[in-house]
């Protein structure tokens, strides 16, 4: 399982590298990937890259102090595709849930109104 920072780095790598190609990326480029609310430094980037490499998500050809030659592996690409698909499905399910909630609410309201009219009519 990947944390939020690892997903940002892996998604960036998948978007930057074409299928099977290596790309030289500097640490500053990785740091620019994160939004302002997520803090990261060089040590965090180093740990993330090691974690992704050990997990089989990326392949590191070489690493200097400020540069990495990296390529995402098929497992990493598939992980990002599945994560994006789950996010899309989550949005669709939320909208369906909201629609069902309002449909049930208004159906109950109409049912109570009709029940009240029938009760007042016969009694």
Protein backbone atom coordinates (compact mmCIF):
# COMPACT_ATOMS: atom_id res chain seq x y z
CA UNK A 1 0.00 0.00 0.00
CA UNK A 2 1.30 3.43 -0.89
CA UNK A 3 0.90 6.59 1.10
CA UNK A 4 -0.16 9.91 -0.44
CA UNK A 5 3.37 11.17 -1.08
CA UNK A 6 4.41 7.95 -2.79
CA UNK A 7 1.35 8.13 -5.04
CA UNK A 8 2.23 11.69 -6.06
CA UNK A 9 5.78 10.64 -6.99
CA UNK A 10 4.68 7.51 -8.84
CA UNK A 11 1.97 9.38 -10.75
CA UNK A 12 4.51 12.02 -11.76
CA UNK A 13 6.90 9.35 -13.00
CA UNK A 14 4.19 7.57 -14.99
CA UNK A 15 3.19 10.86 -16.63
CA UNK A 16 6.79 11.88 -17.42
CA UNK A 17 8.16 8.60 -18.77
CA UNK A 18 6.90 6.81 -21.82
CA UNK A 19 6.54 3.03 -21.78
CA UNK A 20 9.85 1.46 -20.75
CA UNK A 21 11.99 4.59 -21.08
CA UNK A 22 14.26 6.01 -18.42
CA UNK A 23 14.23 9.69 -17.56
CA UNK A 24 16.69 11.77 -15.59
CA UNK A 25 14.78 13.68 -12.93
CA UNK A 26 16.17 16.06 -10.35
CA UNK A 27 15.03 16.14 -6.74
CA UNK A 28 13.68 19.68 -7.17
CA UNK A 29 11.24 18.35 -9.80
CA UNK A 30 9.95 15.80 -7.28
CA UNK A 31 9.58 18.48 -4.63
CA UNK A 32 7.51 20.60 -7.03
CA UNK A 33 5.04 17.73 -7.46
CA UNK A 34 3.66 17.99 -3.93
CA UNK A 35 0.94 20.47 -3.01
CA UNK A 36 1.76 23.11 -0.40
CA UNK A 37 -0.02 21.26 2.41
CA UNK A 38 2.20 18.18 2.04
CA UNK A 39 5.72 18.79 3.24
CA UNK A 40 8.68 16.93 1.78
CA UNK A 41 12.45 17.28 1.60
CA UNK A 42 15.35 15.43 -0.03
CA UNK A 43 15.42 12.71 2.61
CA UNK A 44 11.70 12.03 2.17
CA UNK A 45 12.14 11.80 -1.61
CA UNK A 46 15.03 9.39 -1.12
CA UNK A 47 12.91 7.20 1.17
CA UNK A 48 9.95 7.27 -1.24
CA UNK A 49 12.12 6.26 -4.20
CA UNK A 50 13.68 3.42 -2.20
CA UNK A 51 10.22 2.25 -1.12
CA UNK A 52 8.89 2.36 -4.69
CA UNK A 53 11.96 0.52 -5.98
CA UNK A 54 11.72 -2.19 -3.30
CA UNK A 55 7.99 -2.60 -3.99
CA UNK A 56 8.55 -3.16 -7.71
CA UNK A 57 6.84 0.03 -8.83
CA UNK A 58 9.90 1.69 -10.40
CA UNK A 59 13.36 0.84 -11.66
CA UNK A 60 16.30 3.08 -10.73
CA UNK A 61 19.19 2.90 -13.15
CA UNK A 62 21.42 5.23 -11.16
CA UNK A 63 21.15 7.85 -8.46
CA UNK A 64 23.36 10.82 -7.67
CA UNK A 65 22.91 13.35 -4.90
CA UNK A 66 20.40 15.46 -6.81
CA UNK A 67 19.46 13.30 -9.83
CA UNK A 68 17.79 9.99 -10.46
CA UNK A 69 17.52 7.99 -13.66
CA UNK A 70 14.15 6.30 -13.19
CA UNK A 71 11.59 4.35 -15.17
CA UNK A 72 8.19 3.18 -13.91
CA UNK A 73 7.63 -0.55 -14.20
CA UNK A 74 4.39 -2.09 -15.54
CA UNK A 75 3.24 -2.81 -11.99
CA UNK A 76 3.59 0.90 -11.12
CA UNK A 77 1.70 1.96 -14.25
CA UNK A 78 -1.07 -0.51 -13.49
CA UNK A 79 -1.27 0.71 -9.88
CA UNK A 80 -1.78 4.33 -11.00
CA UNK A 81 -4.40 3.31 -13.60
CA UNK A 82 -6.31 1.30 -11.00
CA UNK A 83 -6.09 4.14 -8.47
CA UNK A 84 -7.50 6.64 -10.99
CA UNK A 85 -10.28 4.20 -11.90
CA UNK A 86 -11.19 3.77 -8.22
CA UNK A 87 -11.32 7.54 -7.76
CA UNK A 88 -13.69 7.87 -10.74
CA UNK A 89 -15.87 5.05 -9.42
CA UNK A 90 -15.94 6.66 -5.98
CA UNK A 91 -17.25 9.93 -7.47
CA UNK A 92 -19.92 8.08 -9.47
CA UNK A 93 -21.04 6.12 -6.42
CA UNK A 94 -21.27 9.30 -4.35
CA UNK A 95 -23.50 10.96 -6.93
CA UNK A 96 -25.70 7.87 -7.14
CA UNK A 97 -25.96 7.79 -3.33
CA UNK A 98 -27.05 11.43 -3.20
CA UNK A 99 -29.68 10.81 -5.89
CA UNK A 100 -31.02 7.75 -4.05
CA UNK A 101 -31.17 9.71 -0.79
CA UNK A 102 -33.24 12.53 -2.31
CA UNK A 103 -35.46 10.07 -4.20
CA UNK A 104 -36.17 8.16 -0.97
CA UNK A 105 -36.80 11.37 0.97
CA UNK A 106 -39.29 12.76 -1.53
CA UNK A 107 -40.96 9.36 -1.97
CA UNK A 108 -41.50 9.14 1.78
CA UNK A 109 -42.81 12.70 1.83
CA UNK A 110 -45.28 11.97 -0.99
CA UNK A 111 -46.29 8.69 0.66
CA UNK A 112 -46.97 10.44 3.97
CA UNK A 113 -48.98 13.14 2.19
CA UNK A 114 -51.10 10.56 0.32
CA UNK A 115 -51.55 8.53 3.51
CA UNK A 116 -52.75 11.62 5.38
CA UNK A 117 -55.24 12.47 2.63
CA UNK A 118 -56.60 8.91 2.58
CA UNK A 119 -56.85 8.78 6.38
CA UNK A 120 -58.70 12.13 6.51
CA UNK A 121 -60.99 11.11 3.68
CA UNK A 122 -62.14 7.83 5.27
CA UNK A 123 -62.06 8.73 8.97
